[in-house]
Amino acid sequence: MEQIFGGGILWTLLIGFLAGLLARALKPGNDKLGFFMTIVLGILGALLARFVGVQLGWYGPGEPAGFIAAVVGAIVLLVIYAMVKKKR
């Protein structure tokens, strides 16, 4: 777990914040998420991108996810959120 949540966590959170805002702007549809949920999904998207990147060897220990990867991670989570919400 140290490899995933190591030294670059603050940078990952900042990238996630910006990625969440951009992902909401890029993803079509109205998910009716508030500002704070958008930020949380962006941060989780950055963490997802970082986790996948470390597992695939794209990032080393302590390296944050790249901005584009964080946006893609946030969009993936928004799509999953929309699918789960639709099933309700």
N, C-alpha and C. Protein backbone atom coordinates (compact mmCIF):
# COMPACT_ATOMS: atom_id res chain seq x y z
N MET A 1 0.81 -1.20 0.00
CA MET A 1 0.00 0.00 0.00
C MET A 1 0.86 1.27 0.00
N GLU A 2 2.01 1.20 0.60
CA GLU A 2 2.90 2.37 0.61
C GLU A 2 3.24 2.80 -0.80
N GLN A 3 3.36 1.83 -1.69
CA GLN A 3 3.70 2.12 -3.08
C GLN A 3 2.60 2.95 -3.74
N ILE A 4 1.37 2.69 -3.39
CA ILE A 4 0.24 3.38 -4.00
C ILE A 4 -0.02 4.72 -3.33
N PHE A 5 0.00 4.77 -2.03
CA PHE A 5 -0.36 5.97 -1.30
C PHE A 5 0.85 6.66 -0.68
N GLY A 6 1.98 6.57 -1.33
CA GLY A 6 3.24 7.11 -0.81
C GLY A 6 3.36 8.62 -0.87
N GLY A 7 4.55 9.11 -1.09
CA GLY A 7 4.89 10.51 -0.96
C GLY A 7 4.16 11.48 -1.86
N GLY A 8 3.63 11.06 -2.98
CA GLY A 8 2.99 11.98 -3.90
C GLY A 8 1.51 12.18 -3.68
N ILE A 9 1.01 11.86 -2.50
CA ILE A 9 -0.44 11.91 -2.26
C ILE A 9 -0.99 13.33 -2.36
N LEU A 10 -0.27 14.31 -1.88
CA LEU A 10 -0.78 15.69 -1.96
C LEU A 10 -0.88 16.15 -3.40
N TRP A 11 0.10 15.82 -4.19
CA TRP A 11 0.06 16.16 -5.61
C TRP A 11 -1.10 15.43 -6.28
N THR A 12 -1.33 14.18 -5.92
CA THR A 12 -2.43 13.40 -6.47
C THR A 12 -3.77 14.05 -6.13
N LEU A 13 -3.91 14.55 -4.92
CA LEU A 13 -5.15 15.21 -4.52
C LEU A 13 -5.37 16.50 -5.31
N LEU A 14 -4.33 17.27 -5.53
CA LEU A 14 -4.46 18.50 -6.30
C LEU A 14 -4.83 18.19 -7.76
N ILE A 15 -4.15 17.24 -8.35
CA ILE A 15 -4.47 16.82 -9.71
C ILE A 15 -5.92 16.31 -9.76
N GLY A 16 -6.32 15.55 -8.76
CA GLY A 16 -7.68 15.02 -8.70
C GLY A 16 -8.73 16.11 -8.64
N PHE A 17 -8.46 17.15 -7.89
CA PHE A 17 -9.38 18.27 -7.80
C PHE A 17 -9.61 18.89 -9.17
N LEU A 18 -8.53 19.19 -9.86
CA LEU A 18 -8.63 19.79 -11.19
C LEU A 18 -9.22 18.81 -12.20
N ALA A 19 -8.86 17.54 -12.07
CA ALA A 19 -9.38 16.53 -12.99
C ALA A 19 -10.89 16.36 -12.83
N GLY A 20 -11.38 16.42 -11.62
CA GLY A 20 -12.82 16.30 -11.39
C GLY A 20 -13.59 17.43 -12.05
N LEU A 21 -13.07 18.62 -11.96
CA LEU A 21 -13.73 19.75 -12.60
C LEU A 21 -13.73 19.59 -14.12
N LEU A 22 -12.61 19.17 -14.68
CA LEU A 22 -12.52 18.99 -16.13
C LEU A 22 -13.36 17.80 -16.60
N ALA A 23 -13.38 16.72 -15.83
CA ALA A 23 -14.15 15.54 -16.21
C ALA A 23 -15.64 15.87 -16.29
N ARG A 24 -16.13 16.65 -15.34
CA ARG A 24 -17.55 17.05 -15.36
C ARG A 24 -17.85 17.89 -16.59
N ALA A 25 -16.89 18.69 -17.00
CA ALA A 25 -17.10 19.54 -18.17
C ALA A 25 -17.06 18.72 -19.47
N LEU A 26 -16.25 17.66 -19.50
CA LEU A 26 -16.07 16.86 -20.71
C LEU A 26 -17.11 15.77 -20.87
N LYS A 27 -17.57 15.19 -19.77
CA LYS A 27 -18.52 14.07 -19.86
C LYS A 27 -19.91 14.60 -20.17
N PRO A 28 -20.53 14.09 -21.24
CA PRO A 28 -21.88 14.54 -21.57
C PRO A 28 -22.90 14.01 -20.57
N GLY A 29 -24.01 14.70 -20.47
CA GLY A 29 -25.08 14.27 -19.59
C GLY A 29 -25.10 15.08 -18.31
N ASN A 30 -26.20 14.94 -17.60
CA ASN A 30 -26.39 15.66 -16.35
C ASN A 30 -26.42 14.65 -15.22
N ASP A 31 -25.34 14.55 -14.47
CA ASP A 31 -25.26 13.62 -13.35
C ASP A 31 -25.81 14.21 -12.06
N LYS A 32 -26.13 15.48 -12.08
CA LYS A 32 -26.67 16.18 -10.92
C LYS A 32 -25.81 15.97 -9.67
N LEU A 33 -24.52 16.17 -9.85
CA LEU A 33 -23.59 16.09 -8.73
C LEU A 33 -23.28 17.49 -8.25
N GLY A 34 -23.12 17.63 -6.97
CA GLY A 34 -22.73 18.91 -6.42
C GLY A 34 -21.23 19.15 -6.59
N PHE A 35 -20.81 20.31 -6.21
CA PHE A 35 -19.41 20.71 -6.33
C PHE A 35 -18.49 19.77 -5.57
N PHE A 36 -18.86 19.45 -4.33
CA PHE A 36 -17.98 18.62 -3.50
C PHE A 36 -17.92 17.17 -3.99
N MET A 37 -19.03 16.65 -4.50
CA MET A 37 -19.00 15.29 -5.05
C MET A 37 -18.15 15.25 -6.32
N THR A 38 -18.18 16.32 -7.09
CA THR A 38 -17.33 16.40 -8.27
C THR A 38 -15.86 16.35 -7.87
N ILE A 39 -15.51 17.07 -6.82
CA ILE A 39 -14.14 17.06 -6.32
C ILE A 39 -13.76 15.67 -5.83
N VAL A 40 -14.65 15.04 -5.06
CA VAL A 40 -14.37 13.71 -4.53
C VAL A 40 -14.16 12.71 -5.67
N LEU A 41 -15.03 12.75 -6.69
CA LEU A 41 -14.87 11.85 -7.82
C LEU A 41 -13.57 12.13 -8.58
N GLY A 42 -13.19 13.38 -8.69
CA GLY A 42 -11.92 13.71 -9.34
C GLY A 42 -10.73 13.17 -8.58
N ILE A 43 -10.77 13.31 -7.27
CA ILE A 43 -9.68 12.79 -6.44
C ILE A 43 -9.63 11.28 -6.52
N LEU A 44 -10.80 10.63 -6.46
CA LEU A 44 -10.83 9.17 -6.59
C LEU A 44 -10.36 8.73 -7.98
N GLY A 45 -10.68 9.52 -9.00
CA GLY A 45 -10.20 9.22 -10.34
C GLY A 45 -8.69 9.30 -10.43
N ALA A 46 -8.12 10.29 -9.76
CA ALA A 46 -6.65 10.41 -9.74
C ALA A 46 -6.03 9.24 -8.98
N LEU A 47 -6.65 8.85 -7.88
CA LEU A 47 -6.14 7.70 -7.12
C LEU A 47 -6.28 6.41 -7.94
N LEU A 48 -7.39 6.27 -8.66
CA LEU A 48 -7.57 5.11 -9.54
C LEU A 48 -6.50 5.09 -10.62
N ALA A 49 -6.27 6.24 -11.25
CA ALA A 49 -5.25 6.33 -12.30
C ALA A 49 -3.87 6.01 -11.74
N ARG A 50 -3.59 6.49 -10.54
CA ARG A 50 -2.30 6.22 -9.93
C ARG A 50 -2.14 4.74 -9.61
N PHE A 51 -3.21 4.14 -9.05
CA PHE A 51 -3.17 2.71 -8.72
C PHE A 51 -2.93 1.87 -9.96
N VAL A 52 -3.68 2.13 -11.02
CA VAL A 52 -3.53 1.38 -12.26
C VAL A 52 -2.14 1.61 -12.85
N GLY A 53 -1.68 2.86 -12.82
CA GLY A 53 -0.36 3.19 -13.36
C GLY A 53 0.77 2.49 -12.63
N VAL A 54 0.67 2.41 -11.31
CA VAL A 54 1.71 1.72 -10.52
C VAL A 54 1.67 0.23 -10.82
N GLN A 55 0.47 -0.34 -10.91
CA GLN A 55 0.35 -1.78 -11.17
C GLN A 55 0.89 -2.15 -12.55
N LEU A 56 0.72 -1.25 -13.52
CA LEU A 56 1.20 -1.52 -14.87
C LEU A 56 2.64 -1.07 -15.09
N GLY A 57 3.25 -0.46 -14.09
CA GLY A 57 4.64 -0.04 -14.19
C GLY A 57 4.83 1.31 -14.86
N TRP A 58 3.75 2.06 -15.05
CA TRP A 58 3.86 3.38 -15.67
C TRP A 58 4.41 4.41 -14.68
N TYR A 59 4.09 4.25 -13.41
CA TYR A 59 4.54 5.17 -12.36
C TYR A 59 5.35 4.38 -11.35
N GLY A 60 6.37 5.04 -10.83
CA GLY A 60 7.16 4.45 -9.77
C GLY A 60 6.57 4.81 -8.42
N PRO A 61 7.11 4.23 -7.36
CA PRO A 61 6.63 4.56 -6.01
C PRO A 61 6.77 6.06 -5.75
N GLY A 62 5.73 6.66 -5.24
CA GLY A 62 5.77 8.08 -4.90
C GLY A 62 5.46 9.02 -6.05
N GLU A 63 5.31 8.50 -7.25
CA GLU A 63 4.99 9.36 -8.39
C GLU A 63 3.48 9.54 -8.49
N PRO A 64 3.02 10.77 -8.67
CA PRO A 64 1.58 10.99 -8.80
C PRO A 64 1.10 10.62 -10.20
N ALA A 65 -0.19 10.45 -10.31
CA ALA A 65 -0.78 10.18 -11.63
C ALA A 65 -0.64 11.43 -12.49
N GLY A 66 -0.50 11.24 -13.77
CA GLY A 66 -0.47 12.37 -14.69
C GLY A 66 -1.85 13.00 -14.79
N PHE A 67 -1.88 14.22 -15.25
CA PHE A 67 -3.15 14.95 -15.31
C PHE A 67 -4.14 14.29 -16.26
N ILE A 68 -3.69 13.89 -17.43
CA ILE A 68 -4.59 13.26 -18.40
C ILE A 68 -5.12 11.94 -17.84
N ALA A 69 -4.26 11.16 -17.21
CA ALA A 69 -4.69 9.90 -16.60
C ALA A 69 -5.71 10.15 -15.50
N ALA A 70 -5.53 11.21 -14.73
CA ALA A 70 -6.48 11.53 -13.66
C ALA A 70 -7.83 11.93 -14.24
N VAL A 71 -7.84 12.69 -15.32
CA VAL A 71 -9.10 13.07 -15.97
C VAL A 71 -9.80 11.83 -16.50
N VAL A 72 -9.05 10.94 -17.14
CA VAL A 72 -9.63 9.70 -17.66
C VAL A 72 -10.19 8.86 -16.51
N GLY A 73 -9.45 8.76 -15.41
CA GLY A 73 -9.94 8.03 -14.23
C GLY A 73 -11.22 8.62 -13.68
N ALA A 74 -11.29 9.94 -13.63
CA ALA A 74 -12.50 10.61 -13.13
C ALA A 74 -13.67 10.38 -14.08
N ILE A 75 -13.42 10.41 -15.38
CA ILE A 75 -14.50 10.16 -16.34
C ILE A 75 -14.99 8.71 -16.21
N VAL A 76 -14.07 7.78 -16.04
CA VAL A 76 -14.47 6.38 -15.85
C VAL A 76 -15.37 6.26 -14.63
N LEU A 77 -15.00 6.90 -13.54
CA LEU A 77 -15.82 6.83 -12.33
C LEU A 77 -17.17 7.52 -12.53
N LEU A 78 -17.22 8.60 -13.27
CA LEU A 78 -18.49 9.26 -13.56
C LEU A 78 -19.40 8.37 -14.40
N VAL A 79 -18.82 7.65 -15.35
CA VAL A 79 -19.61 6.73 -16.18
C VAL A 79 -20.15 5.59 -15.31
N ILE A 80 -19.32 5.04 -14.45
CA ILE A 80 -19.76 3.98 -13.54
C ILE A 80 -20.87 4.51 -12.62
N TYR A 81 -20.69 5.71 -12.10
CA TYR A 81 -21.71 6.33 -11.25
C TYR A 81 -23.04 6.45 -11.99
N ALA A 82 -22.99 6.89 -13.25
CA ALA A 82 -24.21 7.04 -14.05
C ALA A 82 -24.88 5.69 -14.29
N MET A 83 -24.10 4.64 -14.53
CA MET A 83 -24.67 3.31 -14.74
C MET A 83 -25.33 2.78 -13.47
N VAL A 84 -24.69 2.98 -12.34
CA VAL A 84 -25.25 2.52 -11.07
C VAL A 84 -26.51 3.30 -10.74
N LYS A 85 -26.48 4.60 -10.97
CA LYS A 85 -27.63 5.44 -10.68
C LYS A 85 -28.81 5.07 -11.58
N LYS A 86 -28.52 4.72 -12.83
CA LYS A 86 -29.57 4.36 -13.79
C LYS A 86 -30.29 3.08 -13.37
N LYS A 87 -29.57 2.13 -12.74
CA LYS A 87 -30.16 0.86 -12.34
C LYS A 87 -31.11 1.01 -11.17
N ARG A 88 -31.03 2.09 -10.44
CA ARG A 88 -31.90 2.28 -9.26
C ARG A 88 -33.30 2.51 -9.66
